[in-house]
Structures are given as structure tokens and as C-alpha cells.
Amino acid sequence: TISWTGATTYYATTYYADSVKGRFTVSRDNAKNTLY
């Protein structure tokens, strides 16, 4: 999961299941309304 950021992406926090930690990366582009 990745937290909401309001008007900026600088302060997003992320959390991972132990099974994927270190292998998966979650990110978001608010300008494109897209989650990755």
C-alpha cells in the first residue's frame, strides 16, 4: 500500500507484505492518476 499524498508525492509512505518485501515496489504518479 502507498499512502495518500494530497498535492505532492514527496511524503508518500509505503508498506509491504513480508512475502514481497525487497522484491516489489509500489509507487504512484498523481499527475497521471496511476498506481504502479
PDB file of all heavy atoms in Angstrom:
ATOM      1  N   THR A   1       0.831  -1.189   0.000  1.00  0.00           N
ATOM      2  CA  THR A   1       0.000   0.000   0.000  1.00  0.00           C
ATOM      3  C   THR A   1       0.873   1.250   0.000  1.00  0.00           C
ATOM      4  O   THR A   1       2.019   1.208   0.458  1.00  0.00           O
ATOM      5  CB  THR A   1      -0.961   0.026   1.200  1.00  0.00           C
ATOM      6  OG1 THR A   1      -1.942   1.046   1.013  1.00  0.00           O
ATOM      7  CG2 THR A   1      -0.217   0.314   2.490  1.00  0.00           C
ATOM      8  N   ILE A   2       0.328   2.325  -0.530  1.00  0.00           N
ATOM      9  CA  ILE A   2       1.009   3.613  -0.537  1.00  0.00           C
ATOM     10  C   ILE A   2       0.003   4.656  -0.069  1.00  0.00           C
ATOM     11  O   ILE A   2      -1.148   4.662  -0.494  1.00  0.00           O
ATOM     12  CB  ILE A   2       1.589   3.953  -1.928  1.00  0.00           C
ATOM     13  CG1 ILE A   2       2.395   5.253  -1.899  1.00  0.00           C
ATOM     14  CG2 ILE A   2       0.509   4.000  -2.987  1.00  0.00           C
ATOM     15  CD1 ILE A   2       3.256   5.458  -3.144  1.00  0.00           C
ATOM     16  N   SER A   3       0.430   5.504   0.835  1.00  0.00           N
ATOM     17  CA  SER A   3      -0.481   6.459   1.450  1.00  0.00           C
ATOM     18  C   SER A   3      -0.933   7.528   0.473  1.00  0.00           C
ATOM     19  O   SER A   3      -0.368   7.693  -0.609  1.00  0.00           O
ATOM     20  CB  SER A   3       0.222   7.130   2.637  1.00  0.00           C
ATOM     21  OG  SER A   3       1.313   7.913   2.174  1.00  0.00           O
ATOM     22  N   TRP A   4      -1.975   8.270   0.855  1.00  0.00           N
ATOM     23  CA  TRP A   4      -2.343   9.412   0.037  1.00  0.00           C
ATOM     24  C   TRP A   4      -1.307  10.516   0.231  1.00  0.00           C
ATOM     25  O   TRP A   4      -0.533  10.497   1.185  1.00  0.00           O
ATOM     26  CB  TRP A   4      -3.769   9.857   0.328  1.00  0.00           C
ATOM     27  CG  TRP A   4      -3.995  10.682   1.566  1.00  0.00           C
ATOM     28  CD1 TRP A   4      -3.090  11.242   2.416  1.00  0.00           C
ATOM     29  CD2 TRP A   4      -5.271  11.049   2.065  1.00  0.00           C
ATOM     30  NE1 TRP A   4      -3.702  11.922   3.426  1.00  0.00           N
ATOM     31  CE2 TRP A   4      -5.043  11.827   3.231  1.00  0.00           C
ATOM     32  CE3 TRP A   4      -6.588  10.810   1.677  1.00  0.00           C
ATOM     33  CZ2 TRP A   4      -6.099  12.353   3.982  1.00  0.00           C
ATOM     34  CZ3 TRP A   4      -7.614  11.339   2.440  1.00  0.00           C
ATOM     35  CH2 TRP A   4      -7.373  12.103   3.568  1.00  0.00           C
ATOM     36  N   THR A   5      -1.293  11.446  -0.706  1.00  0.00           N
ATOM     37  CA  THR A   5      -0.250  12.457  -0.686  1.00  0.00           C
ATOM     38  C   THR A   5      -0.790  13.878  -0.784  1.00  0.00           C
ATOM     39  O   THR A   5      -0.029  14.814  -0.711  1.00  0.00           O
ATOM     40  CB  THR A   5       0.721  12.257  -1.866  1.00  0.00           C
ATOM     41  OG1 THR A   5      -0.016  12.363  -3.087  1.00  0.00           O
ATOM     42  CG2 THR A   5       1.389  10.906  -1.792  1.00  0.00           C
ATOM     43  N   GLY A   6      -2.064  14.065  -0.964  1.00  0.00           N
ATOM     44  CA  GLY A   6      -2.583  15.398  -1.164  1.00  0.00           C
ATOM     45  C   GLY A   6      -2.054  15.959  -2.458  1.00  0.00           C
ATOM     46  O   GLY A   6      -2.162  15.329  -3.501  1.00  0.00           O
ATOM     47  N   ALA A   7      -1.426  17.115  -2.415  1.00  0.00           N
ATOM     48  CA  ALA A   7      -0.987  17.786  -3.628  1.00  0.00           C
ATOM     49  C   ALA A   7       0.443  17.441  -4.013  1.00  0.00           C
ATOM     50  O   ALA A   7       0.957  17.927  -5.003  1.00  0.00           O
ATOM     51  CB  ALA A   7      -1.109  19.294  -3.458  1.00  0.00           C
ATOM     52  N   THR A   8       1.101  16.572  -3.245  1.00  0.00           N
ATOM     53  CA  THR A   8       2.505  16.310  -3.515  1.00  0.00           C
ATOM     54  C   THR A   8       2.811  14.833  -3.365  1.00  0.00           C
ATOM     55  O   THR A   8       2.086  14.114  -2.713  1.00  0.00           O
ATOM     56  CB  THR A   8       3.405  17.107  -2.556  1.00  0.00           C
ATOM     57  OG1 THR A   8       4.775  16.771  -2.827  1.00  0.00           O
ATOM     58  CG2 THR A   8       3.114  16.740  -1.121  1.00  0.00           C
ATOM     59  N   THR A   9       3.843  14.360  -4.023  1.00  0.00           N
ATOM     60  CA  THR A   9       4.236  12.952  -3.863  1.00  0.00           C
ATOM     61  C   THR A   9       5.397  12.800  -2.904  1.00  0.00           C
ATOM     62  O   THR A   9       5.885  11.724  -2.687  1.00  0.00           O
ATOM     63  CB  THR A   9       4.645  12.351  -5.214  1.00  0.00           C
ATOM     64  OG1 THR A   9       5.770  13.061  -5.723  1.00  0.00           O
ATOM     65  CG2 THR A   9       3.515  12.399  -6.200  1.00  0.00           C
ATOM     66  N   TYR A  10       5.868  13.903  -2.315  1.00  0.00           N
ATOM     67  CA  TYR A  10       7.090  13.819  -1.544  1.00  0.00           C
ATOM     68  C   TYR A  10       6.940  13.060  -0.241  1.00  0.00           C
ATOM     69  O   TYR A  10       7.914  12.579   0.313  1.00  0.00           O
ATOM     70  CB  TYR A  10       7.609  15.219  -1.244  1.00  0.00           C
ATOM     71  CG  TYR A  10       8.070  15.959  -2.474  1.00  0.00           C
ATOM     72  CD1 TYR A  10       7.436  17.114  -2.892  1.00  0.00           C
ATOM     73  CD2 TYR A  10       9.139  15.481  -3.215  1.00  0.00           C
ATOM     74  CE1 TYR A  10       7.864  17.782  -4.015  1.00  0.00           C
ATOM     75  CE2 TYR A  10       9.567  16.151  -4.348  1.00  0.00           C
ATOM     76  CZ  TYR A  10       8.924  17.303  -4.745  1.00  0.00           C
ATOM     77  OH  TYR A  10       9.347  17.966  -5.860  1.00  0.00           O
ATOM     78  N   TYR A  11       5.725  12.941   0.285  1.00  0.00           N
ATOM     79  CA  TYR A  11       5.571  12.382   1.612  1.00  0.00           C
ATOM     80  C   TYR A  11       4.797  11.078   1.639  1.00  0.00           C
ATOM     81  O   TYR A  11       4.287  10.694   2.668  1.00  0.00           O
ATOM     82  CB  TYR A  11       4.919  13.419   2.522  1.00  0.00           C
ATOM     83  CG  TYR A  11       5.678  14.716   2.556  1.00  0.00           C
ATOM     84  CD1 TYR A  11       5.162  15.872   1.984  1.00  0.00           C
ATOM     85  CD2 TYR A  11       6.934  14.782   3.150  1.00  0.00           C
ATOM     86  CE1 TYR A  11       5.875  17.062   2.003  1.00  0.00           C
ATOM     87  CE2 TYR A  11       7.651  15.951   3.171  1.00  0.00           C
ATOM     88  CZ  TYR A  11       7.121  17.094   2.597  1.00  0.00           C
ATOM     89  OH  TYR A  11       7.814  18.264   2.616  1.00  0.00           O
ATOM     90  N   ALA A  12       4.718  10.385   0.503  1.00  0.00           N
ATOM     91  CA  ALA A  12       4.021   9.105   0.489  1.00  0.00           C
ATOM     92  C   ALA A  12       4.807   8.077   1.283  1.00  0.00           C
ATOM     93  O   ALA A  12       6.021   8.002   1.207  1.00  0.00           O
ATOM     94  CB  ALA A  12       3.836   8.619  -0.941  1.00  0.00           C
ATOM     95  N   THR A  13       4.099   7.297   2.058  1.00  0.00           N
ATOM     96  CA  THR A  13       4.717   6.186   2.782  1.00  0.00           C
ATOM     97  C   THR A  13       4.213   4.876   2.209  1.00  0.00           C
ATOM     98  O   THR A  13       3.098   4.801   1.695  1.00  0.00           O
ATOM     99  CB  THR A  13       4.412   6.256   4.274  1.00  0.00           C
ATOM    100  OG1 THR A  13       2.993   6.321   4.455  1.00  0.00           O
ATOM    101  CG2 THR A  13       5.041   7.479   4.910  1.00  0.00           C
ATOM    102  N   THR A  14       5.034   3.854   2.291  1.00  0.00           N
ATOM    103  CA  THR A  14       4.694   2.568   1.700  1.00  0.00           C
ATOM    104  C   THR A  14       4.806   1.451   2.720  1.00  0.00           C
ATOM    105  O   THR A  14       5.589   1.533   3.676  1.00  0.00           O
ATOM    106  CB  THR A  14       5.614   2.256   0.510  1.00  0.00           C
ATOM    107  OG1 THR A  14       6.979   2.292   0.948  1.00  0.00           O
ATOM    108  CG2 THR A  14       5.432   3.271  -0.612  1.00  0.00           C
ATOM    109  N   TYR A  15       4.025   0.407   2.499  1.00  0.00           N
ATOM    110  CA  TYR A  15       4.016  -0.764   3.368  1.00  0.00           C
ATOM    111  C   TYR A  15       3.908  -1.999   2.485  1.00  0.00           C
ATOM    112  O   TYR A  15       3.229  -1.978   1.463  1.00  0.00           O
ATOM    113  CB  TYR A  15       2.827  -0.702   4.337  1.00  0.00           C
ATOM    114  CG  TYR A  15       2.788   0.553   5.161  1.00  0.00           C
ATOM    115  CD1 TYR A  15       2.139   1.693   4.688  1.00  0.00           C
ATOM    116  CD2 TYR A  15       3.408   0.611   6.408  1.00  0.00           C
ATOM    117  CE1 TYR A  15       2.111   2.858   5.436  1.00  0.00           C
ATOM    118  CE2 TYR A  15       3.391   1.767   7.160  1.00  0.00           C
ATOM    119  CZ  TYR A  15       2.736   2.884   6.672  1.00  0.00           C
ATOM    120  OH  TYR A  15       2.723   4.043   7.409  1.00  0.00           O
ATOM    121  N   TYR A  16       4.581  -3.070   2.908  1.00  0.00           N
ATOM    122  CA  TYR A  16       4.625  -4.289   2.107  1.00  0.00           C
ATOM    123  C   TYR A  16       4.362  -5.522   2.954  1.00  0.00           C
ATOM    124  O   TYR A  16       4.708  -5.566   4.132  1.00  0.00           O
ATOM    125  CB  TYR A  16       5.997  -4.436   1.445  1.00  0.00           C
ATOM    126  CG  TYR A  16       6.346  -3.323   0.498  1.00  0.00           C
ATOM    127  CD1 TYR A  16       7.054  -2.209   0.922  1.00  0.00           C
ATOM    128  CD2 TYR A  16       5.969  -3.396  -0.839  1.00  0.00           C
ATOM    129  CE1 TYR A  16       7.373  -1.181   0.052  1.00  0.00           C
ATOM    130  CE2 TYR A  16       6.291  -2.375  -1.728  1.00  0.00           C
ATOM    131  CZ  TYR A  16       6.986  -1.269  -1.275  1.00  0.00           C
ATOM    132  OH  TYR A  16       7.298  -0.258  -2.152  1.00  0.00           O
ATOM    133  N   ALA A  17       3.783  -6.516   2.315  1.00  0.00           N
ATOM    134  CA  ALA A  17       3.714  -7.829   2.946  1.00  0.00           C
ATOM    135  C   ALA A  17       5.123  -8.395   3.032  1.00  0.00           C
ATOM    136  O   ALA A  17       5.959  -8.143   2.159  1.00  0.00           O
ATOM    137  CB  ALA A  17       2.820  -8.747   2.117  1.00  0.00           C
ATOM    138  N   ASP A  18       5.380  -9.169   4.060  1.00  0.00           N
ATOM    139  CA  ASP A  18       6.716  -9.744   4.236  1.00  0.00           C
ATOM    140  C   ASP A  18       7.136 -10.590   3.038  1.00  0.00           C
ATOM    141  O   ASP A  18       8.315 -10.641   2.690  1.00  0.00           O
ATOM    142  CB  ASP A  18       6.755 -10.596   5.501  1.00  0.00           C
ATOM    143  CG  ASP A  18       6.714  -9.752   6.766  1.00  0.00           C
ATOM    144  OD1 ASP A  18       6.988  -8.532   6.691  1.00  0.00           O
ATOM    145  OD2 ASP A  18       6.401 -10.309   7.832  1.00  0.00           O
ATOM    146  N   SER A  19       6.179 -11.232   2.402  1.00  0.00           N
ATOM    147  CA  SER A  19       6.489 -12.144   1.300  1.00  0.00           C
ATOM    148  C   SER A  19       7.019 -11.421   0.062  1.00  0.00           C
ATOM    149  O   SER A  19       7.631 -12.059  -0.806  1.00  0.00           O
ATOM    150  CB  SER A  19       5.249 -12.961   0.924  1.00  0.00           C
ATOM    151  OG  SER A  19       4.188 -12.093   0.551  1.00  0.00           O
ATOM    152  N   VAL A  20       6.798 -10.108  -0.035  1.00  0.00           N
ATOM    153  CA  VAL A  20       7.235  -9.370  -1.230  1.00  0.00           C
ATOM    154  C   VAL A  20       8.254  -8.291  -0.906  1.00  0.00           C
ATOM    155  O   VAL A  20       8.804  -7.659  -1.819  1.00  0.00           O
ATOM    156  CB  VAL A  20       6.043  -8.749  -1.989  1.00  0.00           C
ATOM    157  CG1 VAL A  20       4.997  -9.809  -2.299  1.00  0.00           C
ATOM    158  CG2 VAL A  20       5.430  -7.587  -1.211  1.00  0.00           C
ATOM    159  N   LYS A  21       8.508  -8.080   0.364  1.00  0.00           N
ATOM    160  CA  LYS A  21       9.420  -7.011   0.775  1.00  0.00           C
ATOM    161  C   LYS A  21      10.791  -7.222   0.155  1.00  0.00           C
ATOM    162  O   LYS A  21      11.342  -8.325   0.194  1.00  0.00           O
ATOM    163  CB  LYS A  21       9.505  -6.986   2.298  1.00  0.00           C
ATOM    164  CG  LYS A  21       9.978  -5.678   2.884  1.00  0.00           C
ATOM    165  CD  LYS A  21       9.807  -5.701   4.402  1.00  0.00           C
ATOM    166  CE  LYS A  21       8.361  -5.744   4.826  1.00  0.00           C
ATOM    167  NZ  LYS A  21       8.193  -5.689   6.302  1.00  0.00           N
ATOM    168  N   GLY A  22      11.339  -6.167  -0.422  1.00  0.00           N
ATOM    169  CA  GLY A  22      12.638  -6.245  -1.067  1.00  0.00           C
ATOM    170  C   GLY A  22      12.575  -6.662  -2.527  1.00  0.00           C
ATOM    171  O   GLY A  22      13.572  -6.554  -3.250  1.00  0.00           O
ATOM    172  N   ARG A  23      11.428  -7.149  -2.982  1.00  0.00           N
ATOM    173  CA  ARG A  23      11.268  -7.572  -4.384  1.00  0.00           C
ATOM    174  C   ARG A  23      10.282  -6.687  -5.132  1.00  0.00           C
ATOM    175  O   ARG A  23      10.451  -6.462  -6.334  1.00  0.00           O
ATOM    176  CB  ARG A  23      10.790  -9.021  -4.446  1.00  0.00           C
ATOM    177  CG  ARG A  23      11.733 -10.024  -3.803  1.00  0.00           C
ATOM    178  CD  ARG A  23      11.288 -11.455  -4.082  1.00  0.00           C
ATOM    179  NE  ARG A  23       9.973 -11.753  -3.523  1.00  0.00           N
ATOM    180  CZ  ARG A  23       8.942 -12.192  -4.241  1.00  0.00           C
ATOM    181  NH1 ARG A  23       9.061 -12.358  -5.549  1.00  0.00           N
ATOM    182  NH2 ARG A  23       7.796 -12.461  -3.653  1.00  0.00           N
ATOM    183  N   PHE A  24       9.248  -6.222  -4.442  1.00  0.00           N
ATOM    184  CA  PHE A  24       8.208  -5.411  -5.076  1.00  0.00           C
ATOM    185  C   PHE A  24       8.338  -3.959  -4.602  1.00  0.00           C
ATOM    186  O   PHE A  24       8.725  -3.697  -3.457  1.00  0.00           O
ATOM    187  CB  PHE A  24       6.822  -5.916  -4.686  1.00  0.00           C
ATOM    188  CG  PHE A  24       6.437  -7.245  -5.283  1.00  0.00           C
ATOM    189  CD1 PHE A  24       7.347  -8.061  -5.926  1.00  0.00           C
ATOM    190  CD2 PHE A  24       5.126  -7.701  -5.171  1.00  0.00           C
ATOM    191  CE1 PHE A  24       6.984  -9.283  -6.459  1.00  0.00           C
ATOM    192  CE2 PHE A  24       4.738  -8.923  -5.696  1.00  0.00           C
ATOM    193  CZ  PHE A  24       5.668  -9.714  -6.345  1.00  0.00           C
ATOM    194  N   THR A  25       7.966  -3.039  -5.495  1.00  0.00           N
ATOM    195  CA  THR A  25       7.970  -1.617  -5.158  1.00  0.00           C
ATOM    196  C   THR A  25       6.673  -0.991  -5.646  1.00  0.00           C
ATOM    197  O   THR A  25       6.340  -1.090  -6.832  1.00  0.00           O
ATOM    198  CB  THR A  25       9.154  -0.886  -5.796  1.00  0.00           C
ATOM    199  OG1 THR A  25      10.378  -1.487  -5.366  1.00  0.00           O
ATOM    200  CG2 THR A  25       9.149   0.584  -5.402  1.00  0.00           C
ATOM    201  N   VAL A  26       5.960  -0.350  -4.732  1.00  0.00           N
ATOM    202  CA  VAL A  26       4.728   0.350  -5.081  1.00  0.00           C
ATOM    203  C   VAL A  26       5.040   1.832  -5.226  1.00  0.00           C
ATOM    204  O   VAL A  26       5.822   2.397  -4.457  1.00  0.00           O
ATOM    205  CB  VAL A  26       3.620   0.100  -4.040  1.00  0.00           C
ATOM    206  CG1 VAL A  26       4.019   0.605  -2.649  1.00  0.00           C
ATOM    207  CG2 VAL A  26       2.305   0.717  -4.487  1.00  0.00           C
ATOM    208  N   SER A  27       4.423   2.462  -6.225  1.00  0.00           N
ATOM    209  CA  SER A  27       4.622   3.897  -6.438  1.00  0.00           C
ATOM    210  C   SER A  27       3.360   4.467  -7.082  1.00  0.00           C
ATOM    211  O   SER A  27       2.485   3.720  -7.539  1.00  0.00           O
ATOM    212  CB  SER A  27       5.835   4.157  -7.329  1.00  0.00           C
ATOM    213  OG  SER A  27       5.670   3.569  -8.607  1.00  0.00           O
ATOM    214  N   ARG A  28       3.279   5.787  -7.097  1.00  0.00           N
ATOM    215  CA  ARG A  28       2.115   6.438  -7.676  1.00  0.00           C
ATOM    216  C   ARG A  28       2.555   7.696  -8.421  1.00  0.00           C
ATOM    217  O   ARG A  28       3.524   8.346  -8.032  1.00  0.00           O
ATOM    218  CB  ARG A  28       1.092   6.783  -6.604  1.00  0.00           C
ATOM    219  CG  ARG A  28       1.552   7.790  -5.563  1.00  0.00           C
ATOM    220  CD  ARG A  28       0.561   7.890  -4.396  1.00  0.00           C
ATOM    221  NE  ARG A  28      -0.753   8.291  -4.865  1.00  0.00           N
ATOM    222  CZ  ARG A  28      -1.869   8.082  -4.160  1.00  0.00           C
ATOM    223  NH1 ARG A  28      -1.826   7.489  -2.994  1.00  0.00           N
ATOM    224  NH2 ARG A  28      -3.023   8.497  -4.644  1.00  0.00           N
ATOM    225  N   ASP A  29       1.823   8.025  -9.472  1.00  0.00           N
ATOM    226  CA  ASP A  29       2.027   9.257 -10.225  1.00  0.00           C
ATOM    227  C   ASP A  29       0.698   9.996 -10.208  1.00  0.00           C
ATOM    228  O   ASP A  29      -0.208   9.664 -10.979  1.00  0.00           O
ATOM    229  CB  ASP A  29       2.487   8.943 -11.651  1.00  0.00           C
ATOM    230  CG  ASP A  29       2.844  10.193 -12.436  1.00  0.00           C
ATOM    231  OD1 ASP A  29       2.328  11.274 -12.105  1.00  0.00           O
ATOM    232  OD2 ASP A  29       3.622  10.071 -13.387  1.00  0.00           O
ATOM    233  N   ASN A  30       0.587  10.965  -9.332  1.00  0.00           N
ATOM    234  CA  ASN A  30      -0.689  11.674  -9.185  1.00  0.00           C
ATOM    235  C   ASN A  30      -1.048  12.465 -10.435  1.00  0.00           C
ATOM    236  O   ASN A  30      -2.231  12.656 -10.735  1.00  0.00           O
ATOM    237  CB  ASN A  30      -0.637  12.599  -7.973  1.00  0.00           C
ATOM    238  CG  ASN A  30      -0.638  11.835  -6.662  1.00  0.00           C
ATOM    239  OD1 ASN A  30      -0.980  10.648  -6.614  1.00  0.00           O
ATOM    240  ND2 ASN A  30      -0.222  12.501  -5.599  1.00  0.00           N
ATOM    241  N   ALA A  31      -0.049  12.941 -11.171  1.00  0.00           N
ATOM    242  CA  ALA A  31      -0.332  13.700 -12.392  1.00  0.00           C
ATOM    243  C   ALA A  31      -0.987  12.822 -13.452  1.00  0.00           C
ATOM    244  O   ALA A  31      -1.736  13.318 -14.295  1.00  0.00           O
ATOM    245  CB  ALA A  31       0.951  14.308 -12.927  1.00  0.00           C
ATOM    246  N   LYS A  32      -0.693  11.523 -13.397  1.00  0.00           N
ATOM    247  CA  LYS A  32      -1.258  10.590 -14.371  1.00  0.00           C
ATOM    248  C   LYS A  32      -2.378   9.737 -13.783  1.00  0.00           C
ATOM    249  O   LYS A  32      -2.896   8.850 -14.458  1.00  0.00           O
ATOM    250  CB  LYS A  32      -0.158   9.669 -14.912  1.00  0.00           C
ATOM    251  CG  LYS A  32       0.924  10.393 -15.697  1.00  0.00           C
ATOM    252  CD  LYS A  32       1.956   9.412 -16.233  1.00  0.00           C
ATOM    253  CE  LYS A  32       3.006  10.131 -17.057  1.00  0.00           C
ATOM    254  NZ  LYS A  32       4.021   9.188 -17.604  1.00  0.00           N
ATOM    255  N   ASN A  33      -2.725   9.995 -12.515  1.00  0.00           N
ATOM    256  CA  ASN A  33      -3.768   9.187 -11.849  1.00  0.00           C
ATOM    257  C   ASN A  33      -3.468   7.699 -11.966  1.00  0.00           C
ATOM    258  O   ASN A  33      -4.354   6.889 -12.279  1.00  0.00           O
ATOM    259  CB  ASN A  33      -5.146   9.489 -12.446  1.00  0.00           C
ATOM    260  CG  ASN A  33      -5.781  10.726 -11.844  1.00  0.00           C
ATOM    261  OD1 ASN A  33      -5.116  11.519 -11.195  1.00  0.00           O
ATOM    262  ND2 ASN A  33      -7.066  10.896 -12.070  1.00  0.00           N
ATOM    263  N   THR A  34      -2.218   7.329 -11.747  1.00  0.00           N
ATOM    264  CA  THR A  34      -1.808   5.947 -11.964  1.00  0.00           C
ATOM    265  C   THR A  34      -1.000   5.413 -10.789  1.00  0.00           C
ATOM    266  O   THR A  34      -0.140   6.108 -10.241  1.00  0.00           O
ATOM    267  CB  THR A  34      -0.997   5.812 -13.259  1.00  0.00           C
ATOM    268  OG1 THR A  34      -1.776   6.299 -14.357  1.00  0.00           O
ATOM    269  CG2 THR A  34      -0.645   4.354 -13.532  1.00  0.00           C
ATOM    270  N   LEU A  35      -1.298   4.187 -10.452  1.00  0.00           N
ATOM    271  CA  LEU A  35      -0.594   3.437  -9.417  1.00  0.00           C
ATOM    272  C   LEU A  35       0.228   2.360 -10.107  1.00  0.00           C
ATOM    273  O   LEU A  35      -0.209   1.800 -11.119  1.00  0.00           O
ATOM    274  CB  LEU A  35      -1.603   2.794  -8.477  1.00  0.00           C
ATOM    275  CG  LEU A  35      -1.092   1.823  -7.427  1.00  0.00           C
ATOM    276  CD1 LEU A  35      -0.391   2.585  -6.304  1.00  0.00           C
ATOM    277  CD2 LEU A  35      -2.250   0.992  -6.864  1.00  0.00           C
ATOM    278  N   TYR A  36       1.404   2.068  -9.568  1.00  0.00           N
ATOM    279  CA  TYR A  36       2.276   1.058 -10.157  1.00  0.00           C
ATOM    280  C   TYR A  36       2.697   0.021  -9.119  1.00  0.00           C
ATOM    281  O   TYR A  36       2.737   0.302  -7.927  1.00  0.00           O
ATOM    282  CB  TYR A  36       3.542   1.711 -10.728  1.00  0.00           C
ATOM    283  CG  TYR A  36       3.285   2.755 -11.776  1.00  0.00           C
ATOM    284  CD1 TYR A  36       3.323   4.105 -11.454  1.00  0.00           C
ATOM    285  CD2 TYR A  36       3.010   2.389 -13.089  1.00  0.00           C
ATOM    286  CE1 TYR A  36       3.089   5.077 -12.411  1.00  0.00           C
ATOM    287  CE2 TYR A  36       2.772   3.352 -14.055  1.00  0.00           C
ATOM    288  CZ  TYR A  36       2.806   4.700 -13.710  1.00  0.00           C
ATOM    289  OH  TYR A  36       2.571   5.638 -14.673  1.00  0.00           O
TER     290      TYR A  36
END
